[in-house]
Amino acid sequence: MKRKIALLLALCVGVILCLCACHIEDKNGPDDYSLVEITEEKLINGSSSYTETNSIINKTKNSVELSCEKFSGVRTLKKITFTGGKWLEINYDLELDGGNFRAVLIHDGEIVMDLPIGEDQQIIIDNPKSSYEIRIAGESADFEIELEYYCVDTSDC
């Protein structure tokens, strides 16, 4: 019986240590939000490997809301497949309360642009082609993002 209790205790301690070790530490201080461990190559390749704590996500056809107290890794937040039209409009609010964070718009394996941190941001892409992805990367990031997108002069995107 004592052996089973010791084994169970060791297992619990191991699980707790693994969960704590999954997050990437913020190594450059509270005033610098740039990524340290996650490379641009990892961000572009889309290796969606991440750990998040206390996260809430709400997705609809043309919107995503994600709030996370601690996020580490790379995640594709939204894939937008464009079927035609004159332009693609992306509206978003991005608040960062700590850690390191980067949000990007990717097309054809290249970063088209970074999504700046702030409220009431808007991106308009004239004559968009095929598909785009919005990816986020974080190192112990505490953030909230609300994102909506619209394809103008088209039936759907």
C-alpha atoms as a PDB file:
ATOM      1  CA  MET A   1       0.000   0.000   0.000  1.00  0.00           C
ATOM      2  CA  LYS A   2       2.810   2.420   0.904  1.00  0.00           C
ATOM      3  CA  ARG A   3       4.416   1.633  -2.439  1.00  0.00           C
ATOM      4  CA  LYS A   4       1.237   2.573  -4.341  1.00  0.00           C
ATOM      5  CA  ILE A   5       0.923   5.852  -2.445  1.00  0.00           C
ATOM      6  CA  ALA A   6       4.562   6.723  -3.124  1.00  0.00           C
ATOM      7  CA  LEU A   7       4.114   5.888  -6.823  1.00  0.00           C
ATOM      8  CA  LEU A   8       0.951   7.976  -7.045  1.00  0.00           C
ATOM      9  CA  LEU A   9       2.663  10.905  -5.291  1.00  0.00           C
ATOM     10  CA  ALA A  10       5.670  10.679  -7.633  1.00  0.00           C
ATOM     11  CA  LEU A  11       3.320  10.602 -10.629  1.00  0.00           C
ATOM     12  CA  CYS A  12       1.468  13.710  -9.425  1.00  0.00           C
ATOM     13  CA  VAL A  13       4.709  15.614  -8.833  1.00  0.00           C
ATOM     14  CA  GLY A  14       5.940  14.592 -12.307  1.00  0.00           C
ATOM     15  CA  VAL A  15       2.747  15.791 -13.985  1.00  0.00           C
ATOM     16  CA  ILE A  16       2.901  19.121 -12.130  1.00  0.00           C
ATOM     17  CA  LEU A  17       6.528  19.637 -13.126  1.00  0.00           C
ATOM     18  CA  CYS A  18       5.741  18.838 -16.768  1.00  0.00           C
ATOM     19  CA  LEU A  19       2.855  21.299 -16.828  1.00  0.00           C
ATOM     20  CA  CYS A  20       5.014  24.060 -15.366  1.00  0.00           C
ATOM     21  CA  ALA A  21       7.861  23.373 -17.789  1.00  0.00           C
ATOM     22  CA  CYS A  22       5.700  23.638 -20.915  1.00  0.00           C
ATOM     23  CA  HIS A  23       5.600  27.431 -20.967  1.00  0.00           C
ATOM     24  CA  ILE A  24       8.451  29.415 -22.489  1.00  0.00           C
ATOM     25  CA  GLU A  25       9.852  31.912 -20.018  1.00  0.00           C
ATOM     26  CA  ASP A  26       9.781  35.645 -20.763  1.00  0.00           C
ATOM     27  CA  LYS A  27      13.535  36.262 -20.829  1.00  0.00           C
ATOM     28  CA  ASN A  28      13.685  39.897 -21.958  1.00  0.00           C
ATOM     29  CA  GLY A  29      11.720  41.636 -19.223  1.00  0.00           C
ATOM     30  CA  PRO A  30       8.273  43.171 -18.855  1.00  0.00           C
ATOM     31  CA  ASP A  31       8.845  46.135 -21.193  1.00  0.00           C
ATOM     32  CA  ASP A  32      10.055  44.185 -24.238  1.00  0.00           C
ATOM     33  CA  TYR A  33       7.372  42.135 -26.022  1.00  0.00           C
ATOM     34  CA  SER A  34       9.612  40.744 -28.775  1.00  0.00           C
ATOM     35  CA  LEU A  35      10.011  36.986 -29.086  1.00  0.00           C
ATOM     36  CA  VAL A  36      13.253  35.442 -27.858  1.00  0.00           C
ATOM     37  CA  GLU A  37      12.941  31.651 -28.232  1.00  0.00           C
ATOM     38  CA  ILE A  38      10.432  31.346 -31.093  1.00  0.00           C
ATOM     39  CA  THR A  39      12.070  32.003 -34.447  1.00  0.00           C
ATOM     40  CA  GLU A  40      10.448  33.515 -37.519  1.00  0.00           C
ATOM     41  CA  GLU A  41      10.939  30.148 -39.249  1.00  0.00           C
ATOM     42  CA  LYS A  42       8.839  28.391 -36.592  1.00  0.00           C
ATOM     43  CA  LEU A  43       6.184  31.063 -36.959  1.00  0.00           C
ATOM     44  CA  ILE A  44       6.063  30.755 -40.756  1.00  0.00           C
ATOM     45  CA  ASN A  45       6.131  26.952 -40.832  1.00  0.00           C
ATOM     46  CA  GLY A  46       2.996  26.907 -38.737  1.00  0.00           C
ATOM     47  CA  SER A  47       4.028  24.190 -36.332  1.00  0.00           C
ATOM     48  CA  SER A  48       0.942  24.607 -34.162  1.00  0.00           C
ATOM     49  CA  SER A  49       2.438  23.496 -30.897  1.00  0.00           C
ATOM     50  CA  TYR A  50       1.354  25.542 -27.928  1.00  0.00           C
ATOM     51  CA  THR A  51       0.428  25.527 -24.268  1.00  0.00           C
ATOM     52  CA  GLU A  52      -2.183  27.852 -22.842  1.00  0.00           C
ATOM     53  CA  THR A  53      -3.540  28.501 -19.380  1.00  0.00           C
ATOM     54  CA  ASN A  54      -6.951  29.972 -18.567  1.00  0.00           C
ATOM     55  CA  SER A  55      -7.913  30.541 -22.180  1.00  0.00           C
ATOM     56  CA  ILE A  56     -11.337  31.308 -23.597  1.00  0.00           C
ATOM     57  CA  ILE A  57     -12.021  31.138 -27.328  1.00  0.00           C
ATOM     58  CA  ASN A  58     -15.150  32.072 -29.243  1.00  0.00           C
ATOM     59  CA  LYS A  59     -15.301  31.447 -32.999  1.00  0.00           C
ATOM     60  CA  THR A  60     -17.955  32.294 -35.544  1.00  0.00           C
ATOM     61  CA  LYS A  61     -17.844  32.175 -39.337  1.00  0.00           C
ATOM     62  CA  ASN A  62     -16.105  35.555 -39.704  1.00  0.00           C
ATOM     63  CA  SER A  63     -14.699  36.236 -36.245  1.00  0.00           C
ATOM     64  CA  VAL A  64     -12.471  34.920 -33.475  1.00  0.00           C
ATOM     65  CA  GLU A  65     -12.069  36.067 -29.893  1.00  0.00           C
ATOM     66  CA  LEU A  66      -9.274  34.591 -27.774  1.00  0.00           C
ATOM     67  CA  SER A  67      -8.299  35.529 -24.249  1.00  0.00           C
ATOM     68  CA  CYS A  68      -5.380  33.805 -22.577  1.00  0.00           C
ATOM     69  CA  GLU A  69      -3.612  34.389 -19.272  1.00  0.00           C
ATOM     70  CA  LYS A  70      -0.503  32.452 -20.284  1.00  0.00           C
ATOM     71  CA  PHE A  71       0.284  31.337 -23.834  1.00  0.00           C
ATOM     72  CA  SER A  72       3.504  29.800 -25.148  1.00  0.00           C
ATOM     73  CA  GLY A  73       4.140  28.441 -28.635  1.00  0.00           C
ATOM     74  CA  VAL A  74       2.721  28.988 -32.120  1.00  0.00           C
ATOM     75  CA  ARG A  75      -0.946  28.729 -33.081  1.00  0.00           C
ATOM     76  CA  THR A  76      -2.907  29.357 -36.264  1.00  0.00           C
ATOM     77  CA  LEU A  77      -5.731  31.563 -35.052  1.00  0.00           C
ATOM     78  CA  LYS A  78      -7.683  31.732 -38.328  1.00  0.00           C
ATOM     79  CA  LYS A  79      -7.406  30.509 -41.911  1.00  0.00           C
ATOM     80  CA  ILE A  80      -9.218  32.690 -44.422  1.00  0.00           C
ATOM     81  CA  THR A  81      -9.901  31.177 -47.828  1.00  0.00           C
ATOM     82  CA  PHE A  82     -10.696  33.863 -50.338  1.00  0.00           C
ATOM     83  CA  THR A  83     -13.135  33.057 -53.133  1.00  0.00           C
ATOM     84  CA  GLY A  84     -13.198  36.380 -54.955  1.00  0.00           C
ATOM     85  CA  GLY A  85     -13.930  40.049 -54.574  1.00  0.00           C
ATOM     86  CA  LYS A  86     -12.234  43.407 -54.527  1.00  0.00           C
ATOM     87  CA  TRP A  87     -10.660  43.436 -51.077  1.00  0.00           C
ATOM     88  CA  LEU A  88     -10.306  41.688 -47.749  1.00  0.00           C
ATOM     89  CA  GLU A  89     -10.906  43.730 -44.605  1.00  0.00           C
ATOM     90  CA  ILE A  90      -9.608  42.592 -41.222  1.00  0.00           C
ATOM     91  CA  ASN A  91     -10.590  44.511 -38.080  1.00  0.00           C
ATOM     92  CA  TYR A  92      -9.098  43.627 -34.718  1.00  0.00           C
ATOM     93  CA  ASP A  93      -8.285  44.685 -31.170  1.00  0.00           C
ATOM     94  CA  LEU A  94      -5.131  43.218 -29.613  1.00  0.00           C
ATOM     95  CA  GLU A  95      -4.241  43.848 -25.970  1.00  0.00           C
ATOM     96  CA  LEU A  96      -1.040  42.510 -24.411  1.00  0.00           C
ATOM     97  CA  ASP A  97      -0.644  42.534 -20.634  1.00  0.00           C
ATOM     98  CA  GLY A  98       2.636  40.631 -20.302  1.00  0.00           C
ATOM     99  CA  GLY A  99       5.099  38.177 -21.782  1.00  0.00           C
ATOM    100  CA  ASN A 100       6.344  38.154 -25.362  1.00  0.00           C
ATOM    101  CA  PHE A 101       3.926  38.094 -28.291  1.00  0.00           C
ATOM    102  CA  ARG A 102       3.695  38.436 -32.059  1.00  0.00           C
ATOM    103  CA  ALA A 103       0.689  38.187 -34.388  1.00  0.00           C
ATOM    104  CA  VAL A 104       1.202  37.966 -38.160  1.00  0.00           C
ATOM    105  CA  LEU A 105      -0.699  37.657 -41.426  1.00  0.00           C
ATOM    106  CA  ILE A 106       0.773  34.929 -43.656  1.00  0.00           C
ATOM    107  CA  HIS A 107       0.215  34.318 -47.382  1.00  0.00           C
ATOM    108  CA  ASP A 108       2.043  31.761 -49.557  1.00  0.00           C
ATOM    109  CA  GLY A 109       4.494  30.883 -46.787  1.00  0.00           C
ATOM    110  CA  GLU A 110       5.569  34.474 -46.185  1.00  0.00           C
ATOM    111  CA  ILE A 111       4.738  37.003 -43.517  1.00  0.00           C
ATOM    112  CA  VAL A 112       2.747  39.723 -45.270  1.00  0.00           C
ATOM    113  CA  MET A 113       2.566  41.926 -42.184  1.00  0.00           C
ATOM    114  CA  ASP A 114       2.710  42.058 -38.420  1.00  0.00           C
ATOM    115  CA  LEU A 115      -0.505  42.903 -36.611  1.00  0.00           C
ATOM    116  CA  PRO A 116       0.352  45.863 -34.353  1.00  0.00           C
ATOM    117  CA  ILE A 117      -0.794  45.809 -30.749  1.00  0.00           C
ATOM    118  CA  GLY A 118      -3.644  48.217 -30.048  1.00  0.00           C
ATOM    119  CA  GLU A 119      -7.348  48.854 -30.236  1.00  0.00           C
ATOM    120  CA  ASP A 120      -9.443  49.412 -33.363  1.00  0.00           C
ATOM    121  CA  GLN A 121      -6.841  48.253 -35.861  1.00  0.00           C
ATOM    122  CA  GLN A 122      -7.769  47.659 -39.520  1.00  0.00           C
ATOM    123  CA  ILE A 123      -6.015  45.914 -42.398  1.00  0.00           C
ATOM    124  CA  ILE A 124      -7.287  46.152 -45.979  1.00  0.00           C
ATOM    125  CA  ILE A 125      -5.834  43.923 -48.681  1.00  0.00           C
ATOM    126  CA  ASP A 126      -6.664  44.936 -52.267  1.00  0.00           C
ATOM    127  CA  ASN A 127      -7.209  42.128 -54.793  1.00  0.00           C
ATOM    128  CA  PRO A 128      -6.478  39.306 -52.339  1.00  0.00           C
ATOM    129  CA  LYS A 129      -5.403  35.900 -53.626  1.00  0.00           C
ATOM    130  CA  SER A 130      -6.302  32.375 -52.409  1.00  0.00           C
ATOM    131  CA  SER A 131      -5.840  32.023 -48.658  1.00  0.00           C
ATOM    132  CA  TYR A 132      -4.346  33.807 -45.681  1.00  0.00           C
ATOM    133  CA  GLU A 133      -3.554  32.723 -42.132  1.00  0.00           C
ATOM    134  CA  ILE A 134      -3.389  34.713 -38.950  1.00  0.00           C
ATOM    135  CA  ARG A 135      -0.857  33.130 -36.626  1.00  0.00           C
ATOM    136  CA  ILE A 136       0.117  34.054 -33.127  1.00  0.00           C
ATOM    137  CA  ALA A 137       3.277  33.247 -31.202  1.00  0.00           C
ATOM    138  CA  GLY A 138       3.860  33.797 -27.523  1.00  0.00           C
ATOM    139  CA  GLU A 139       6.280  33.247 -24.698  1.00  0.00           C
ATOM    140  CA  SER A 140       4.294  33.330 -21.430  1.00  0.00           C
ATOM    141  CA  ALA A 141       2.019  35.898 -23.080  1.00  0.00           C
ATOM    142  CA  ASP A 142      -1.048  37.320 -21.364  1.00  0.00           C
ATOM    143  CA  PHE A 143      -3.261  38.720 -24.120  1.00  0.00           C
ATOM    144  CA  GLU A 144      -6.717  39.229 -25.636  1.00  0.00           C
ATOM    145  CA  ILE A 145      -7.509  39.442 -29.338  1.00  0.00           C
ATOM    146  CA  GLU A 146     -10.832  40.103 -31.069  1.00  0.00           C
ATOM    147  CA  LEU A 147     -10.770  39.671 -34.836  1.00  0.00           C
ATOM    148  CA  GLU A 148     -13.387  40.071 -37.596  1.00  0.00           C
ATOM    149  CA  TYR A 149     -12.871  39.768 -41.316  1.00  0.00           C
ATOM    150  CA  TYR A 150     -14.949  40.543 -44.383  1.00  0.00           C
ATOM    151  CA  CYS A 151     -14.572  39.896 -48.097  1.00  0.00           C
ATOM    152  CA  VAL A 152     -16.020  42.873 -49.958  1.00  0.00           C
ATOM    153  CA  ASP A 153     -17.948  42.375 -53.241  1.00  0.00           C
ATOM    154  CA  THR A 154     -18.130  38.615 -52.917  1.00  0.00           C
ATOM    155  CA  SER A 155     -20.623  36.057 -51.762  1.00  0.00           C
ATOM    156  CA  ASP A 156     -18.334  34.373 -49.280  1.00  0.00           C
ATOM    157  CA  CYS A 157     -14.841  33.993 -47.861  1.00  0.00           C
END
